Amino acid sequence: MPDDDTVRDWGKANPDVERAIARARDRGEDAIAADCLEIADDSGGDYRMGEKGPIVDTDHIQRAKLRIDTRLKLLAKWNPKKWGDKI
């Protein structure tokens, strides 16, 4: 895998490479957003069996929330025009 600086230099030297990098970055951001939906929709670990039956596993739910929030914050930082809060 080439160094980040090498890839940036390629982009500066060749507009086609720069556009390809931008497209790849955009697709990667969309994939991260899709991951957020998948995490939110997965309720598989929301309950666990207790002595008297199923109970809510708040640790699992909070962990899923953290995973989503972290991804959304990164998206907003990387591309605020697309993923940032709208005012």
C-alpha atoms as a PDB file:
ATOM      1  CA  MET A   1       0.000   0.000   0.000  1.00  0.00           C
ATOM      2  CA  PRO A   2       1.509   3.353  -0.947  1.00  0.00           C
ATOM      3  CA  ASP A   3       1.979   6.096   1.618  1.00  0.00           C
ATOM      4  CA  ASP A   4      -0.784   8.749   1.934  1.00  0.00           C
ATOM      5  CA  ASP A   5       1.592  11.462   0.723  1.00  0.00           C
ATOM      6  CA  THR A   6       2.395   9.422  -2.381  1.00  0.00           C
ATOM      7  CA  VAL A   7      -1.288   9.068  -3.244  1.00  0.00           C
ATOM      8  CA  ARG A   8      -1.829  12.819  -2.717  1.00  0.00           C
ATOM      9  CA  ASP A   9       1.117  13.551  -5.019  1.00  0.00           C
ATOM     10  CA  TRP A  10      -0.413  11.309  -7.686  1.00  0.00           C
ATOM     11  CA  GLY A  11      -3.675  13.229  -7.353  1.00  0.00           C
ATOM     12  CA  LYS A  12      -1.925  16.590  -7.702  1.00  0.00           C
ATOM     13  CA  ALA A  13      -0.074  15.383 -10.790  1.00  0.00           C
ATOM     14  CA  ASN A  14      -3.065  13.772 -12.503  1.00  0.00           C
ATOM     15  CA  PRO A  15      -6.631  15.185 -12.365  1.00  0.00           C
ATOM     16  CA  ASP A  16      -8.092  11.778 -13.310  1.00  0.00           C
ATOM     17  CA  VAL A  17      -6.465  10.196 -10.273  1.00  0.00           C
ATOM     18  CA  GLU A  18      -7.722  13.048  -8.087  1.00  0.00           C
ATOM     19  CA  ARG A  19     -11.296  12.505  -9.319  1.00  0.00           C
ATOM     20  CA  ALA A  20     -11.005   8.749  -8.777  1.00  0.00           C
ATOM     21  CA  ILE A  21      -9.828   9.332  -5.198  1.00  0.00           C
ATOM     22  CA  ALA A  22     -12.745  11.719  -4.593  1.00  0.00           C
ATOM     23  CA  ARG A  23     -15.231   9.147  -5.959  1.00  0.00           C
ATOM     24  CA  ALA A  24     -13.724   6.412  -3.788  1.00  0.00           C
ATOM     25  CA  ARG A  25     -13.893   8.625  -0.721  1.00  0.00           C
ATOM     26  CA  ASP A  26     -17.540   9.463  -1.454  1.00  0.00           C
ATOM     27  CA  ARG A  27     -18.405   5.770  -1.864  1.00  0.00           C
ATOM     28  CA  GLY A  28     -16.586   4.990   1.377  1.00  0.00           C
ATOM     29  CA  GLU A  29     -18.608   7.618   3.216  1.00  0.00           C
ATOM     30  CA  ASP A  30     -21.824   6.150   1.821  1.00  0.00           C
ATOM     31  CA  ALA A  31     -20.710   2.696   2.999  1.00  0.00           C
ATOM     32  CA  ILE A  32     -20.114   4.041   6.514  1.00  0.00           C
ATOM     33  CA  ALA A  33     -23.594   5.608   6.506  1.00  0.00           C
ATOM     34  CA  ALA A  34     -25.058   2.256   5.418  1.00  0.00           C
ATOM     35  CA  ASP A  35     -23.188   0.624   8.321  1.00  0.00           C
ATOM     36  CA  CYS A  36     -24.933   3.048  10.682  1.00  0.00           C
ATOM     37  CA  LEU A  37     -28.323   1.894   9.406  1.00  0.00           C
ATOM     38  CA  GLU A  38     -27.313  -1.742   9.723  1.00  0.00           C
ATOM     39  CA  ILE A  39     -26.144  -1.250  13.313  1.00  0.00           C
ATOM     40  CA  ALA A  40     -29.337   0.630  14.187  1.00  0.00           C
ATOM     41  CA  ASP A  41     -31.588  -2.021  12.631  1.00  0.00           C
ATOM     42  CA  ASP A  42     -29.819  -4.963  14.321  1.00  0.00           C
ATOM     43  CA  SER A  43     -31.693  -5.772  17.525  1.00  0.00           C
ATOM     44  CA  GLY A  44     -30.045  -9.168  17.950  1.00  0.00           C
ATOM     45  CA  GLY A  45     -28.277  -8.402  21.209  1.00  0.00           C
ATOM     46  CA  ASP A  46     -30.791  -6.019  22.750  1.00  0.00           C
ATOM     47  CA  TYR A  47     -32.102  -8.670  25.128  1.00  0.00           C
ATOM     48  CA  ARG A  48     -30.464 -11.402  27.175  1.00  0.00           C
ATOM     49  CA  MET A  49     -31.923 -14.120  29.300  1.00  0.00           C
ATOM     50  CA  GLY A  50     -32.180 -13.415  32.993  1.00  0.00           C
ATOM     51  CA  GLU A  51     -33.405 -15.662  35.777  1.00  0.00           C
ATOM     52  CA  LYS A  52     -36.999 -14.579  35.206  1.00  0.00           C
ATOM     53  CA  GLY A  53     -36.888 -14.294  31.407  1.00  0.00           C
ATOM     54  CA  PRO A  54     -35.553 -11.823  28.861  1.00  0.00           C
ATOM     55  CA  ILE A  55     -34.157  -8.510  30.104  1.00  0.00           C
ATOM     56  CA  VAL A  56     -32.917  -5.476  28.190  1.00  0.00           C
ATOM     57  CA  ASP A  57     -29.151  -5.495  27.644  1.00  0.00           C
ATOM     58  CA  THR A  58     -28.488  -1.778  28.044  1.00  0.00           C
ATOM     59  CA  ASP A  59     -24.728  -2.258  27.622  1.00  0.00           C
ATOM     60  CA  HIS A  60     -25.252  -3.700  24.151  1.00  0.00           C
ATOM     61  CA  ILE A  61     -27.672  -0.920  23.187  1.00  0.00           C
ATOM     62  CA  GLN A  62     -25.312   1.797  24.436  1.00  0.00           C
ATOM     63  CA  ARG A  63     -22.406   0.215  22.574  1.00  0.00           C
ATOM     64  CA  ALA A  64     -24.426   0.243  19.344  1.00  0.00           C
ATOM     65  CA  LYS A  65     -25.305   3.898  19.955  1.00  0.00           C
ATOM     66  CA  LEU A  66     -21.618   4.716  20.476  1.00  0.00           C
ATOM     67  CA  ARG A  67     -20.673   2.910  17.265  1.00  0.00           C
ATOM     68  CA  ILE A  68     -23.246   4.894  15.277  1.00  0.00           C
ATOM     69  CA  ASP A  69     -22.403   8.251  16.903  1.00  0.00           C
ATOM     70  CA  THR A  70     -18.680   7.764  16.277  1.00  0.00           C
ATOM     71  CA  ARG A  71     -19.242   7.030  12.599  1.00  0.00           C
ATOM     72  CA  LEU A  72     -21.597   9.991  12.158  1.00  0.00           C
ATOM     73  CA  LYS A  73     -19.153  12.364  13.856  1.00  0.00           C
ATOM     74  CA  LEU A  74     -16.339  11.187  11.597  1.00  0.00           C
ATOM     75  CA  LEU A  75     -18.515  11.636   8.507  1.00  0.00           C
ATOM     76  CA  ALA A  76     -19.453  15.172   9.605  1.00  0.00           C
ATOM     77  CA  LYS A  77     -15.786  16.010  10.198  1.00  0.00           C
ATOM     78  CA  TRP A  78     -14.554  14.530   6.908  1.00  0.00           C
ATOM     79  CA  ASN A  79     -17.293  16.034   4.748  1.00  0.00           C
ATOM     80  CA  PRO A  80     -19.316  18.669   6.626  1.00  0.00           C
ATOM     81  CA  LYS A  81     -21.172  19.860   3.507  1.00  0.00           C
ATOM     82  CA  LYS A  82     -22.702  16.428   2.976  1.00  0.00           C
ATOM     83  CA  TRP A  83     -22.853  14.963   6.499  1.00  0.00           C
ATOM     84  CA  GLY A  84     -22.722  17.969   8.851  1.00  0.00           C
ATOM     85  CA  ASP A  85     -25.655  19.475  10.702  1.00  0.00           C
ATOM     86  CA  LYS A  86     -27.809  21.706   8.520  1.00  0.00           C
ATOM     87  CA  ILE A  87     -28.656  25.114   9.948  1.00  0.00           C
END
